[in-house]
N, C-alpha and C. Protein backbone atom coordinates (compact mmCIF):
# COMPACT_ATOMS: atom_id res chain seq x y z
N UNK A 1 83.70 -14.60 147.78
CA UNK A 1 84.43 -14.47 146.48
C UNK A 1 83.87 -15.00 145.49
N UNK A 2 84.11 -15.13 143.83
CA UNK A 2 83.56 -16.45 142.84
C UNK A 2 84.91 -16.99 142.49
N UNK A 3 84.29 -18.42 142.43
CA UNK A 3 85.25 -19.52 141.97
C UNK A 3 85.98 -19.04 140.39
N UNK A 4 86.67 -19.97 140.17
CA UNK A 4 86.60 -20.03 138.58
C UNK A 4 85.87 -20.48 138.14
N UNK A 5 84.96 -21.53 138.48
CA UNK A 5 83.44 -22.07 138.44
C UNK A 5 82.97 -21.75 137.82
N UNK A 6 82.84 -20.69 138.77
CA UNK A 6 81.39 -20.36 139.09
C UNK A 6 81.25 -19.27 137.58
N UNK A 7 82.51 -18.40 138.07
CA UNK A 7 82.38 -17.84 136.77
C UNK A 7 82.33 -18.32 135.42
N UNK A 8 83.10 -19.24 134.80
CA UNK A 8 82.79 -19.93 134.00
C UNK A 8 81.44 -20.14 133.39
N UNK A 9 80.56 -20.63 134.73
CA UNK A 9 79.04 -21.23 134.83
C UNK A 9 78.35 -20.25 134.34
N UNK A 10 78.76 -18.91 134.57
CA UNK A 10 77.75 -17.45 135.13
C UNK A 10 78.24 -17.20 133.35
N UNK A 11 79.43 -16.76 132.67
CA UNK A 11 79.76 -16.46 131.53
C UNK A 11 78.75 -17.42 130.36
N UNK A 12 78.74 -18.67 130.93
CA UNK A 12 78.23 -19.51 129.09
C UNK A 12 76.36 -19.10 129.75
N UNK A 13 75.86 -18.69 130.75
CA UNK A 13 74.73 -18.40 130.76
C UNK A 13 74.24 -16.90 130.45
N UNK A 14 75.32 -16.21 129.62
CA UNK A 14 75.48 -14.86 129.05
C UNK A 14 74.59 -14.74 128.21
N UNK A 15 73.41 -14.15 127.69
CA UNK A 15 72.60 -14.08 126.09
C UNK A 15 72.52 -12.49 126.20
N UNK A 16 72.92 -12.22 124.34
CA UNK A 16 72.95 -10.66 124.44
C UNK A 16 71.57 -10.70 123.26
N UNK A 17 70.75 -9.21 123.79
CA UNK A 17 69.31 -9.10 122.84
C UNK A 17 69.58 -7.94 123.06
N UNK A 18 68.44 -7.43 122.00
CA UNK A 18 68.04 -5.63 121.76
C UNK A 18 67.60 -5.65 123.29
N UNK A 19 67.95 -4.19 123.32
CA UNK A 19 67.02 -3.31 124.59
C UNK A 19 65.93 -3.05 124.40
N UNK A 20 64.96 -2.80 124.84
CA UNK A 20 63.61 -2.48 125.13
C UNK A 20 63.54 -1.19 125.63
N UNK A 21 62.27 -0.82 124.68
CA UNK A 21 61.80 0.93 125.15
C UNK A 21 61.29 0.99 126.64
N UNK A 22 61.30 -0.20 127.53
CA UNK A 22 61.31 0.00 129.10
C UNK A 22 62.44 0.47 129.77
N UNK A 23 63.26 -0.43 129.24
CA UNK A 23 64.92 -0.43 129.22
C UNK A 23 65.66 0.80 129.97
N UNK A 24 65.10 2.00 128.35
CA UNK A 24 65.36 3.36 128.58
C UNK A 24 66.16 3.89 130.24
N UNK A 25 65.29 4.26 131.14
CA UNK A 25 65.80 4.99 131.91
C UNK A 25 66.93 4.07 133.09
N UNK A 26 66.66 2.66 132.77
CA UNK A 26 67.78 1.89 133.49
C UNK A 26 68.97 1.84 132.75
N UNK A 27 68.78 2.08 131.58
CA UNK A 27 69.74 2.60 130.69
C UNK A 27 70.53 3.73 131.16
N UNK A 28 69.75 4.60 131.02
CA UNK A 28 70.59 6.17 131.55
C UNK A 28 70.80 6.15 132.76
N UNK A 29 69.86 5.82 133.85
CA UNK A 29 70.38 5.41 135.63
C UNK A 29 71.79 5.14 135.57
N UNK A 30 72.64 4.02 134.77
CA UNK A 30 73.61 3.41 134.91
C UNK A 30 74.73 3.75 134.54
N UNK A 31 74.85 4.31 133.15
CA UNK A 31 75.08 5.33 132.44
C UNK A 31 75.79 6.53 133.11
N UNK A 32 74.95 6.99 134.34
CA UNK A 32 75.11 8.48 135.00
C UNK A 32 76.09 7.79 136.16
N UNK A 33 75.83 6.73 136.65
CA UNK A 33 76.47 6.25 137.65
C UNK A 33 77.51 5.99 137.44
N UNK A 34 78.26 5.55 136.00
CA UNK A 34 79.48 5.12 135.81
C UNK A 34 80.03 6.20 135.56
N UNK A 35 79.46 7.18 135.17
CA UNK A 35 80.48 8.35 134.94
C UNK A 35 79.88 8.87 133.59
N UNK A 36 79.71 8.08 132.84
CA UNK A 36 79.34 8.40 131.48
C UNK A 36 79.14 9.21 130.45
N UNK A 37 79.34 9.43 129.31
CA UNK A 37 78.16 10.66 128.57
C UNK A 37 77.07 10.44 128.73
N UNK A 38 76.26 10.97 128.91
CA UNK A 38 74.95 10.73 129.11
C UNK A 38 74.36 11.46 127.84
N UNK A 39 74.85 11.60 126.93
CA UNK A 39 74.08 12.65 125.71
C UNK A 39 74.09 11.40 124.77
N UNK A 40 73.12 11.24 123.72
CA UNK A 40 72.52 10.52 122.97
C UNK A 40 72.13 8.85 122.83
N UNK A 41 71.56 8.63 124.22
CA UNK A 41 71.21 7.18 125.02
C UNK A 41 69.96 6.66 124.10
N UNK A 42 69.94 6.28 122.51
CA UNK A 42 68.60 5.97 122.15
C UNK A 42 68.63 4.34 122.64
N UNK A 43 67.61 3.96 123.14
CA UNK A 43 67.66 2.32 123.79
C UNK A 43 67.90 1.58 122.50
N UNK A 44 67.50 2.17 121.53
CA UNK A 44 67.11 1.47 120.34
C UNK A 44 68.89 1.07 119.74
N UNK A 45 69.76 1.40 119.83
CA UNK A 45 70.90 1.29 119.64
C UNK A 45 71.76 0.61 120.52
N UNK A 46 71.05 -0.07 121.58
CA UNK A 46 71.95 -0.51 123.22
C UNK A 46 71.81 -1.78 122.50
N UNK A 47 72.32 -3.04 123.03
CA UNK A 47 72.39 -4.27 123.44
C UNK A 47 72.56 -4.91 124.68
N UNK A 48 71.68 -5.83 125.69
CA UNK A 48 71.92 -5.76 126.45
C UNK A 48 72.20 -7.08 126.97
N UNK A 49 73.64 -7.34 127.67
CA UNK A 49 73.77 -8.52 128.39
C UNK A 49 72.93 -9.06 129.52
N UNK A 50 72.06 -10.21 129.01
CA UNK A 50 71.16 -10.67 130.19
C UNK A 50 72.00 -12.16 130.85
N UNK A 51 71.42 -12.30 132.15
CA UNK A 51 71.98 -13.59 132.91
C UNK A 51 70.96 -14.51 132.40
N UNK A 52 70.91 -15.62 132.81
CA UNK A 52 69.92 -16.81 132.65
C UNK A 52 68.51 -16.70 133.80
N UNK A 53 68.94 -15.73 134.57
CA UNK A 53 67.82 -15.52 135.23
C UNK A 53 66.93 -14.12 135.26
N UNK A 54 67.48 -13.43 134.03
CA UNK A 54 66.92 -12.16 133.41
C UNK A 54 67.40 -11.35 134.17
N UNK A 55 68.30 -10.98 134.85
CA UNK A 55 68.91 -9.92 135.34
C UNK A 55 70.17 -9.17 134.16
N UNK A 56 69.79 -8.13 134.22
CA UNK A 56 70.76 -7.06 133.54
C UNK A 56 72.05 -7.45 133.54
N UNK A 57 73.33 -7.52 133.35
CA UNK A 57 74.35 -7.60 133.57
C UNK A 57 75.17 -6.57 133.13
N UNK A 58 75.05 -5.94 132.11
CA UNK A 58 76.09 -5.08 131.36
C UNK A 58 74.99 -4.73 129.94
N UNK A 59 75.60 -3.70 128.97
CA UNK A 59 74.82 -3.17 128.03
C UNK A 59 76.29 -2.36 127.08
N UNK A 60 75.48 -1.76 126.14
CA UNK A 60 76.65 -1.52 125.36
C UNK A 60 75.89 -0.59 124.03
N UNK A 61 76.24 0.14 123.56
CA UNK A 61 75.51 0.91 122.32
C UNK A 61 76.71 1.19 120.84
N UNK A 62 76.48 0.96 119.66
CA UNK A 62 76.93 1.48 118.88
C UNK A 62 76.21 2.80 118.11
N UNK A 63 76.88 4.05 117.94
CA UNK A 63 76.19 5.45 117.26
C UNK A 63 76.48 5.24 115.81
N UNK A 64 76.11 5.11 114.74
CA UNK A 64 76.40 5.33 113.54
C UNK A 64 75.72 6.92 112.91
N UNK A 65 76.97 7.51 112.50
CA UNK A 65 76.33 9.33 112.27
C UNK A 65 76.14 9.00 110.57
N UNK A 66 75.19 10.23 110.10
CA UNK A 66 74.90 10.15 108.56
C UNK A 66 76.66 10.33 107.77
N UNK A 67 77.68 10.51 108.23
CA UNK A 67 79.20 10.72 107.55
C UNK A 67 79.38 8.74 107.49
N UNK A 68 79.10 8.15 108.44
CA UNK A 68 79.43 7.04 108.08
C UNK A 68 80.42 6.33 109.46
N UNK A 69 80.50 7.43 110.34
CA UNK A 69 81.33 7.26 111.16
C UNK A 69 80.71 6.57 112.34
N UNK A 70 81.46 5.69 113.19
CA UNK A 70 80.83 4.66 114.11
C UNK A 70 81.41 5.11 115.24
N UNK A 71 80.55 5.11 116.61
CA UNK A 71 81.25 5.35 117.59
C UNK A 71 80.42 4.22 118.60
N UNK A 72 81.51 3.22 119.41
CA UNK A 72 81.19 2.33 120.68
C UNK A 72 81.09 3.31 121.13
N UNK A 73 80.32 2.95 122.08
CA UNK A 73 80.19 3.48 123.57
C UNK A 73 79.25 3.12 124.85
N UNK A 74 79.24 4.12 125.71
CA UNK A 74 77.82 3.43 126.92
C UNK A 74 78.45 2.05 127.37
N UNK A 75 79.40 1.56 127.61
CA UNK A 75 79.59 0.40 128.06
C UNK A 75 79.48 0.03 129.25
N UNK A 76 78.75 -0.37 130.22
CA UNK A 76 78.64 -0.54 131.25
C UNK A 76 78.44 -2.42 132.14
N UNK A 77 78.92 -2.90 132.78
CA UNK A 77 78.90 -3.46 133.13
C UNK A 77 78.97 -3.78 134.61
N UNK A 78 77.65 -4.62 135.30
CA UNK A 78 77.63 -4.33 136.72
C UNK A 78 78.60 -4.88 137.48
N UNK A 79 78.78 -4.35 138.93
CA UNK A 79 80.27 -4.60 139.25
C UNK A 79 80.01 -5.98 139.45
N UNK A 80 79.33 -6.61 140.02
CA UNK A 80 79.22 -7.80 140.45
C UNK A 80 79.61 -8.64 139.59
N UNK A 81 79.55 -8.23 138.14
CA UNK A 81 79.49 -8.93 137.05
C UNK A 81 80.85 -8.81 136.14
N UNK A 82 81.92 -7.82 136.74
CA UNK A 82 83.27 -7.56 136.00
C UNK A 82 84.21 -8.49 136.08
N UNK A 83 85.16 -8.56 134.75
CA UNK A 83 85.93 -9.57 135.40
C UNK A 83 85.50 -10.71 134.69
N UNK A 84 84.14 -11.12 134.17
CA UNK A 84 83.43 -12.51 133.79
C UNK A 84 83.31 -12.37 132.20
N UNK A 85 84.22 -11.45 131.31
CA UNK A 85 83.79 -11.72 129.96
C UNK A 85 82.65 -10.51 129.08
N UNK A 86 82.28 -10.15 129.71
CA UNK A 86 80.54 -9.26 129.33
C UNK A 86 81.22 -8.90 128.60
N UNK A 87 81.81 -7.69 128.91
CA UNK A 87 81.56 -6.55 128.31
C UNK A 87 83.26 -6.85 127.23
N UNK A 88 83.91 -7.92 127.04
CA UNK A 88 84.54 -8.50 125.83
C UNK A 88 83.51 -8.81 124.88
N UNK A 89 82.51 -9.29 125.39
CA UNK A 89 81.16 -10.08 124.38
C UNK A 89 80.32 -9.03 124.17
N UNK A 90 80.35 -8.08 124.80
CA UNK A 90 79.61 -7.06 124.14
C UNK A 90 80.45 -6.29 122.59
N UNK A 91 81.44 -5.87 123.33
CA UNK A 91 82.36 -4.88 122.08
C UNK A 91 82.51 -6.01 120.81
N UNK A 92 82.70 -7.27 121.56
CA UNK A 92 82.70 -8.27 119.84
C UNK A 92 81.73 -8.27 118.75
N UNK A 93 80.74 -8.48 120.32
CA UNK A 93 79.31 -8.09 119.09
C UNK A 93 79.19 -7.29 117.72
N UNK A 94 78.73 -6.02 118.66
CA UNK A 94 79.00 -5.00 118.05
C UNK A 94 80.48 -5.17 116.75
N UNK A 95 81.47 -5.08 116.81
CA UNK A 95 82.92 -5.40 116.40
C UNK A 95 82.68 -6.41 115.05
N UNK A 96 81.70 -7.21 115.28
CA UNK A 96 81.25 -8.34 114.37
C UNK A 96 80.41 -7.75 112.94
N UNK A 97 79.62 -6.95 113.65
CA UNK A 97 78.44 -6.95 113.08
C UNK A 97 78.65 -4.82 112.44
N UNK A 98 79.73 -4.56 112.61
CA UNK A 98 79.55 -3.07 111.95
C UNK A 98 80.99 -2.98 111.15
N UNK A 99 80.87 -2.20 110.22
CA UNK A 99 82.91 -2.19 109.60
C UNK A 99 83.67 -1.22 110.38
N UNK A 100 84.31 -1.19 109.97
CA UNK A 100 85.58 -0.13 110.27
C UNK A 100 85.62 1.10 109.71
N UNK A 101 86.02 2.19 109.98
CA UNK A 101 86.65 2.25 111.57
C UNK A 101 85.11 2.43 112.44
N UNK A 102 85.92 2.21 113.93
CA UNK A 102 85.10 2.29 114.87
C UNK A 102 85.85 3.39 116.44
N UNK A 103 85.50 3.93 116.45
CA UNK A 103 86.19 4.95 117.54
C UNK A 103 85.52 4.85 118.71
N UNK A 104 86.56 5.25 119.87
CA UNK A 104 85.48 5.40 120.97
C UNK A 104 86.20 6.18 122.30
N UNK A 105 85.95 6.73 122.67
CA UNK A 105 86.25 7.34 124.17
C UNK A 105 86.48 7.00 125.33
N UNK A 106 87.64 7.21 125.78
CA UNK A 106 87.71 6.29 127.29
C UNK A 106 88.42 6.97 128.13
N UNK A 107 88.25 6.07 129.43
CA UNK A 107 89.47 6.86 130.37
C UNK A 107 90.51 6.30 130.37
N UNK A 108 91.53 7.31 130.48
CA UNK A 108 93.17 6.57 130.05
C UNK A 108 93.17 5.29 131.05
N UNK A 109 92.39 4.54 132.38
CA UNK A 109 92.72 3.90 133.03
C UNK A 109 92.13 2.55 131.60
N UNK A 110 91.24 2.30 131.03
CA UNK A 110 90.59 1.87 130.00
C UNK A 110 91.34 1.63 128.66
N UNK A 111 92.33 2.28 128.67
CA UNK A 111 93.34 1.93 127.17
C UNK A 111 94.11 0.43 126.75
N UNK A 112 94.33 0.45 127.96
CA UNK A 112 94.80 -1.18 127.63
C UNK A 112 94.05 -2.13 127.33
N UNK A 113 92.71 -1.83 128.05
CA UNK A 113 91.35 -3.05 127.81
C UNK A 113 91.46 -2.85 126.30
N UNK A 114 90.94 -2.00 125.63
CA UNK A 114 91.14 -1.82 124.25
C UNK A 114 92.01 -2.27 123.43
N UNK A 115 92.63 -1.90 123.59
CA UNK A 115 94.51 -2.38 122.88
C UNK A 115 94.21 -3.97 122.78
N UNK A 116 93.78 -4.79 123.23
CA UNK A 116 93.53 -5.66 123.45
C UNK A 116 92.29 -6.26 122.13
N UNK A 117 91.57 -5.48 121.91
CA UNK A 117 90.96 -5.38 120.82
C UNK A 117 90.84 -4.89 119.69
N UNK A 118 92.54 -4.50 119.54
CA UNK A 118 92.88 -3.54 118.61
C UNK A 118 92.95 -2.50 118.20
N UNK A 119 92.37 -2.01 118.93
CA UNK A 119 92.29 0.26 119.01
C UNK A 119 93.20 0.43 119.27
N UNK A 120 93.72 1.78 118.85
CA UNK A 120 94.74 2.28 118.91
C UNK A 120 94.59 3.34 119.25
N UNK A 121 95.24 4.61 120.14
CA UNK A 121 95.03 5.25 120.45
C UNK A 121 95.22 6.52 119.33
N UNK A 122 94.77 7.62 119.63
CA UNK A 122 95.03 8.56 118.90
C UNK A 122 95.47 9.73 118.90
N UNK A 123 96.74 10.10 118.19
CA UNK A 123 97.73 11.07 118.89
C UNK A 123 97.32 11.99 119.01
N UNK A 124 97.73 12.63 119.81
CA UNK A 124 97.32 14.54 120.30
C UNK A 124 96.97 15.16 119.12
N UNK A 125 97.43 15.01 117.72
CA UNK A 125 97.45 16.04 116.84
C UNK A 125 96.46 14.87 115.25
N UNK A 126 96.13 14.05 116.18
CA UNK A 126 94.86 13.50 115.39
C UNK A 126 93.87 13.53 115.56
N UNK A 127 92.97 13.89 114.50
CA UNK A 127 91.37 14.40 115.46
C UNK A 127 90.31 12.91 114.58
N UNK A 128 88.97 12.62 115.39
CA UNK A 128 88.31 11.49 114.56
C UNK A 128 87.46 12.29 113.91
N UNK A 129 86.70 11.75 112.89
CA UNK A 129 85.67 12.33 111.98
C UNK A 129 84.67 13.36 112.43
N UNK A 130 84.63 14.45 111.47
CA UNK A 130 84.07 15.17 111.97
C UNK A 130 82.34 15.32 112.98
N UNK A 131 81.86 14.53 112.84
CA UNK A 131 80.47 14.03 113.87
C UNK A 131 81.30 13.54 115.50
N UNK A 132 82.36 13.51 115.46
CA UNK A 132 83.08 13.01 116.60
C UNK A 132 84.00 14.16 117.52
N UNK A 133 84.28 15.47 116.52
CA UNK A 133 85.50 16.20 116.64
C UNK A 133 84.55 16.61 118.20
N UNK A 134 83.43 17.28 117.86
CA UNK A 134 82.58 17.99 118.91
C UNK A 134 83.05 17.40 120.39
N UNK A 135 82.70 16.47 120.36
CA UNK A 135 82.87 15.21 121.68
C UNK A 135 84.76 15.25 122.14
N UNK A 136 85.67 15.35 121.03
CA UNK A 136 86.83 15.15 120.94
C UNK A 136 87.03 16.58 122.08
N UNK A 137 86.51 17.90 121.25
CA UNK A 137 87.41 18.79 121.77
C UNK A 137 86.69 18.89 123.16
N UNK A 138 85.15 18.63 123.63
CA UNK A 138 84.41 18.59 124.79
C UNK A 138 85.26 17.62 125.96
N UNK A 139 85.67 16.34 125.45
CA UNK A 139 86.89 15.70 126.30
C UNK A 139 88.27 16.82 126.63
N UNK A 140 88.64 17.17 125.91
CA UNK A 140 90.32 17.50 126.05
C UNK A 140 89.85 19.54 127.09
N UNK A 141 88.62 19.47 126.85
CA UNK A 141 88.23 20.52 127.46
C UNK A 141 87.88 19.87 129.67
N UNK A 142 87.75 18.74 129.53
CA UNK A 142 86.97 18.00 130.82
C UNK A 142 88.75 17.90 131.55
N UNK A 143 89.50 17.25 130.50
CA UNK A 143 90.77 17.11 130.92
C UNK A 143 91.31 18.33 132.02
N UNK A 144 91.19 19.83 130.73
CA UNK A 144 91.59 20.86 131.82
C UNK A 144 90.85 20.87 132.91
N UNK A 145 89.54 21.38 133.42
CA UNK A 145 88.79 21.85 134.32
C UNK A 145 88.84 20.51 135.78
N UNK A 146 88.37 19.78 134.78
CA UNK A 146 88.35 18.73 135.75
C UNK A 146 89.64 17.41 136.15
N UNK A 147 90.81 17.83 135.57
CA UNK A 147 91.30 16.95 135.80
C UNK A 147 91.02 15.54 135.07
N UNK A 148 90.10 15.13 134.13
CA UNK A 148 89.43 13.85 133.87
C UNK A 148 90.54 13.61 132.43
N UNK A 149 90.72 12.14 132.94
CA UNK A 149 92.16 12.04 131.52
C UNK A 149 91.17 10.83 131.10
N UNK A 150 91.07 11.34 129.19
CA UNK A 150 90.53 10.91 128.21
C UNK A 150 91.22 10.85 127.59
N UNK A 151 90.72 8.86 126.33
CA UNK A 151 91.54 9.13 125.14
C UNK A 151 90.72 8.83 124.40
N UNK A 152 90.94 8.99 122.96
CA UNK A 152 90.25 8.85 121.78
C UNK A 152 91.33 7.74 121.27
N UNK A 153 90.33 6.63 120.36
CA UNK A 153 90.65 5.34 120.35
C UNK A 153 90.00 5.11 118.93
N UNK A 154 90.86 4.09 118.04
CA UNK A 154 90.15 3.62 116.84
C UNK A 154 90.32 2.31 116.19
N UNK A 155 89.63 1.85 115.87
CA UNK A 155 90.10 0.27 115.52
C UNK A 155 89.50 0.28 113.80
N UNK A 156 90.80 -0.04 113.13
CA UNK A 156 90.43 0.57 111.53
C UNK A 156 90.63 -0.69 111.23
């Protein structure tokens, strides 16, 4: 078990950088491992959180659509690095770089986490912008078929 001092030391040694072409399959494998949406995984949109030793501790992407809509997604933090602020570091990086609104889809168990950053859950009768509506409909279908609980959220 890590001590608080070890977690702080490790967090301070994390750097963010753009993903490289040779990391495409690493991204795909880890997204699949976490059960996340494996579509539209363009390595050029990803930012990697890298430890001092060069190990990839996590990553995320921001998708921008022609309509101007933005979707934060594919947030993966390695299991041994969870709880150290890496996900928040990645999310904050994108939120500082991109204008609002920013949408995301997440499991219900993550709603509380994203609320800490100012996101709010969309009501059942609210819909995300056009490019994200198909994904929202698919997410709702997944709820019915697989009993997977998904929430759509927005930061305005």
